[in-house]
Amino acid sequence: MAERVRPARPEGISQEEWDNNLSEPAAYSGEAPDRSREREATGPDGEALARFREILLHTGDLEWADKTLAGLSHKMLWRDDATGASIALVRFARGSGIPSRHSHASNQFMFCLSGRYTYVPTGLTLTEGSFYWNPKGSLHGPTRAEEDTVLLEVYDGPHYPTQPEWYSDPDDAR
């Protein structure tokens, strides 16, 4: 992770406004929250929370993290740890994919930034500029990357009802 640089108070904004212009306490993780965490807080049940400022990421400066499924890596941009909702860039190497039919515990949205990514049974293929929505509970897959593919993937809640067999690390299913 790049070194964290706290933003300076902009001209024209009072110190009081700057000190108080933070998000409500929340449990967020991923590159954006990790870089914008300003103040630690404690929730009503004693959970560790934080307050955040706006942040801009240049995703080209972030490292890809390999998942335990061969050919799959991601850049976790944002996650709401309380709900499981997340936003990530996912990259599939050519020939890789999700090996079996599965469903999600929330809605899955994907926008194809580059490549060709096919849902084998239906023949649906995401190409650059394609938007895909897989509604909560709908079975889909297996999939295959016809070429190296990068997708912006958004979940509005937890990814899976249970950990899929293709991941050996439970963190990969979050």
Protein backbone atom coordinates (compact mmCIF):
# COMPACT_ATOMS: atom_id res chain seq x y z
CA MET A 1 0.00 0.00 0.00
CA ALA A 2 1.24 3.48 -0.83
CA GLU A 3 2.20 5.80 1.99
CA ARG A 4 -0.78 7.60 3.44
CA VAL A 5 -0.75 11.36 2.96
CA ARG A 6 -3.39 13.32 4.85
CA PRO A 7 -4.92 16.07 2.75
CA ALA A 8 -4.21 19.64 3.75
CA ARG A 9 -7.09 21.90 4.73
CA PRO A 10 -8.21 23.69 1.56
CA GLU A 11 -8.10 27.46 1.43
CA GLY A 12 -11.44 29.03 2.30
CA ILE A 13 -12.51 26.22 4.65
CA SER A 14 -12.33 27.01 8.34
CA GLN A 15 -10.38 24.78 10.68
CA GLU A 16 -13.61 23.96 12.54
CA GLU A 17 -15.38 22.87 9.34
CA TRP A 18 -12.34 20.85 8.24
CA ASP A 19 -12.07 19.10 11.62
CA ASN A 20 -15.77 18.19 11.59
CA ASN A 21 -16.22 17.38 7.89
CA LEU A 22 -15.83 13.62 8.24
CA SER A 23 -18.12 10.71 7.49
CA GLU A 24 -20.30 9.06 10.06
CA PRO A 25 -18.43 6.28 11.87
CA ALA A 26 -18.33 3.14 9.72
CA ALA A 27 -16.51 -0.16 9.21
CA TYR A 28 -15.03 0.21 5.72
CA SER A 29 -11.98 -1.51 4.26
CA GLY A 30 -10.16 -1.59 0.92
CA GLU A 31 -7.73 0.82 -0.68
CA ALA A 32 -9.94 3.93 -0.57
CA PRO A 33 -10.93 3.63 3.10
CA ASP A 34 -7.42 2.58 4.11
CA ARG A 35 -6.12 5.81 2.57
CA SER A 36 -8.89 8.09 3.83
CA ARG A 37 -9.27 6.91 7.43
CA GLU A 38 -8.99 10.07 9.53
CA ARG A 39 -10.22 9.28 13.00
CA GLU A 40 -10.85 6.09 14.94
CA ALA A 41 -14.25 5.64 16.57
CA THR A 42 -16.10 3.04 18.60
CA GLY A 43 -19.55 1.79 17.69
CA PRO A 44 -22.46 1.25 20.10
CA ASP A 45 -21.51 -2.42 20.51
CA GLY A 46 -17.82 -1.60 21.07
CA GLU A 47 -16.80 -2.41 17.47
CA ALA A 48 -13.85 -0.56 15.91
CA LEU A 49 -15.05 2.03 13.42
CA ALA A 50 -13.47 5.00 11.70
CA ARG A 51 -14.40 8.34 10.14
CA PHE A 52 -13.31 9.13 6.59
CA ARG A 53 -12.65 11.93 4.10
CA GLU A 54 -13.14 11.89 0.36
CA ILE A 55 -10.32 10.19 -1.53
CA LEU A 56 -9.18 9.76 -5.12
CA LEU A 57 -7.39 6.55 -6.13
CA HIS A 58 -5.37 6.04 -9.26
CA THR A 59 -6.00 2.33 -9.71
CA GLY A 60 -2.96 1.96 -11.97
CA ASP A 61 -0.81 2.68 -8.90
CA LEU A 62 -2.37 -0.23 -6.93
CA GLU A 63 -1.01 -3.77 -6.92
CA TRP A 64 -3.12 -6.73 -8.04
CA ALA A 65 -3.70 -9.26 -5.21
CA ASP A 66 -3.95 -12.87 -6.34
CA LYS A 67 -6.88 -14.93 -5.13
CA THR A 68 -6.65 -18.68 -4.48
CA LEU A 69 -8.42 -19.42 -7.78
CA ALA A 70 -5.72 -19.60 -10.46
CA GLY A 71 -5.80 -16.71 -12.91
CA LEU A 72 -7.95 -14.41 -10.73
CA SER A 73 -6.68 -11.28 -8.99
CA HIS A 74 -8.30 -8.14 -7.65
CA LYS A 75 -7.84 -4.62 -6.38
CA MET A 76 -10.29 -4.11 -3.52
CA LEU A 77 -11.31 -0.48 -3.75
CA TRP A 78 -14.01 -0.31 -1.06
CA ARG A 79 -15.92 -2.65 1.25
CA ASP A 80 -18.58 -2.04 3.88
CA ASP A 81 -17.49 -4.59 6.45
CA ALA A 82 -20.88 -4.46 8.19
CA THR A 83 -22.96 -5.36 5.11
CA GLY A 84 -20.45 -7.09 2.81
CA ALA A 85 -21.11 -4.62 -0.02
CA SER A 86 -17.99 -3.97 -2.09
CA ILE A 87 -16.42 -2.41 -5.16
CA ALA A 88 -13.36 -4.02 -6.76
CA LEU A 89 -11.46 -4.37 -9.97
CA VAL A 90 -11.17 -8.05 -10.85
CA ARG A 91 -8.80 -9.46 -13.43
CA PHE A 92 -9.12 -12.85 -15.10
CA ALA A 93 -6.17 -14.19 -17.07
CA ARG A 94 -7.03 -15.65 -20.46
CA GLY A 95 -8.44 -19.17 -20.04
CA SER A 96 -9.30 -18.74 -16.36
CA GLY A 97 -12.77 -18.33 -14.90
CA ILE A 98 -15.22 -19.50 -12.28
CA PRO A 99 -15.38 -23.30 -12.55
CA SER A 100 -18.98 -24.07 -11.57
CA ARG A 101 -22.55 -22.79 -11.33
CA HIS A 102 -23.18 -20.63 -8.31
CA SER A 103 -25.34 -17.85 -6.95
CA HIS A 104 -24.70 -14.79 -4.84
CA ALA A 105 -26.17 -13.59 -1.57
CA SER A 106 -26.69 -10.12 -3.07
CA ASN A 107 -26.91 -8.41 -6.43
CA GLN A 108 -23.72 -8.56 -8.50
CA PHE A 109 -22.99 -5.81 -11.02
CA MET A 110 -20.08 -5.87 -13.44
CA PHE A 111 -18.81 -3.39 -15.99
CA CYS A 112 -16.25 -4.72 -18.47
CA LEU A 113 -13.28 -2.40 -18.81
CA SER A 114 -11.34 -4.66 -21.18
CA GLY A 115 -11.30 -8.20 -22.54
CA ARG A 116 -13.91 -10.88 -23.22
CA TYR A 117 -15.56 -12.78 -20.38
CA THR A 118 -18.13 -15.48 -21.21
CA TYR A 119 -20.85 -17.18 -19.18
CA VAL A 120 -20.46 -20.60 -20.78
CA PRO A 121 -24.00 -22.10 -20.47
CA THR A 122 -25.80 -19.03 -21.84
CA GLY A 123 -23.08 -17.70 -24.13
CA LEU A 124 -23.43 -14.19 -22.64
CA THR A 125 -20.12 -12.45 -23.29
CA LEU A 126 -19.01 -9.25 -21.63
CA THR A 127 -16.82 -7.05 -23.83
CA GLU A 128 -15.44 -3.57 -23.28
CA GLY A 129 -18.30 -1.29 -22.24
CA SER A 130 -20.71 -4.12 -21.33
CA PHE A 131 -22.75 -3.89 -18.14
CA TYR A 132 -23.90 -7.13 -16.49
CA TRP A 133 -26.32 -7.56 -13.60
CA ASN A 134 -26.76 -10.90 -11.91
CA PRO A 135 -29.72 -10.67 -9.52
CA LYS A 136 -29.42 -12.03 -5.99
CA GLY A 137 -29.92 -15.82 -5.91
CA SER A 138 -29.78 -16.35 -9.70
CA LEU A 139 -27.65 -19.35 -10.71
CA HIS A 140 -25.00 -18.59 -13.32
CA GLY A 141 -21.63 -19.85 -14.57
CA PRO A 142 -19.29 -21.45 -15.12
CA THR A 143 -17.36 -18.65 -16.80
CA ARG A 144 -14.26 -18.33 -18.95
CA ALA A 145 -12.06 -15.38 -19.90
CA GLU A 146 -11.61 -15.58 -23.67
CA GLU A 147 -8.76 -13.09 -23.27
CA ASP A 148 -7.23 -11.20 -20.36
CA THR A 149 -10.20 -9.37 -18.84
CA VAL A 150 -10.64 -6.57 -16.29
CA LEU A 151 -14.07 -5.97 -14.74
CA LEU A 152 -15.36 -3.40 -12.28
CA GLU A 153 -17.38 -5.57 -9.89
CA VAL A 154 -19.92 -4.21 -7.40
CA TYR A 155 -21.91 -6.17 -4.80
CA ASP A 156 -24.70 -4.50 -2.81
CA GLY A 157 -24.24 -6.99 0.05
CA PRO A 158 -22.29 -10.17 0.83
CA HIS A 159 -20.81 -12.09 -2.11
CA TYR A 160 -21.80 -15.68 -1.36
CA PRO A 161 -24.24 -17.50 0.93
CA THR A 162 -21.41 -19.96 1.75
CA GLN A 163 -17.73 -20.13 0.77
CA PRO A 164 -17.41 -21.58 -2.76
CA GLU A 165 -15.29 -24.72 -3.10
CA TRP A 166 -12.96 -23.04 -5.60
CA TYR A 167 -11.55 -20.71 -2.90
CA SER A 168 -9.28 -22.17 -0.23
CA ASP A 169 -9.03 -18.83 1.60
CA PRO A 170 -12.28 -17.52 3.17
CA ASP A 171 -11.14 -13.92 2.53
CA ASP A 172 -11.39 -14.60 -1.21
CA ALA A 173 -15.16 -15.15 -0.85
CA ARG A 174 -15.71 -11.75 0.80
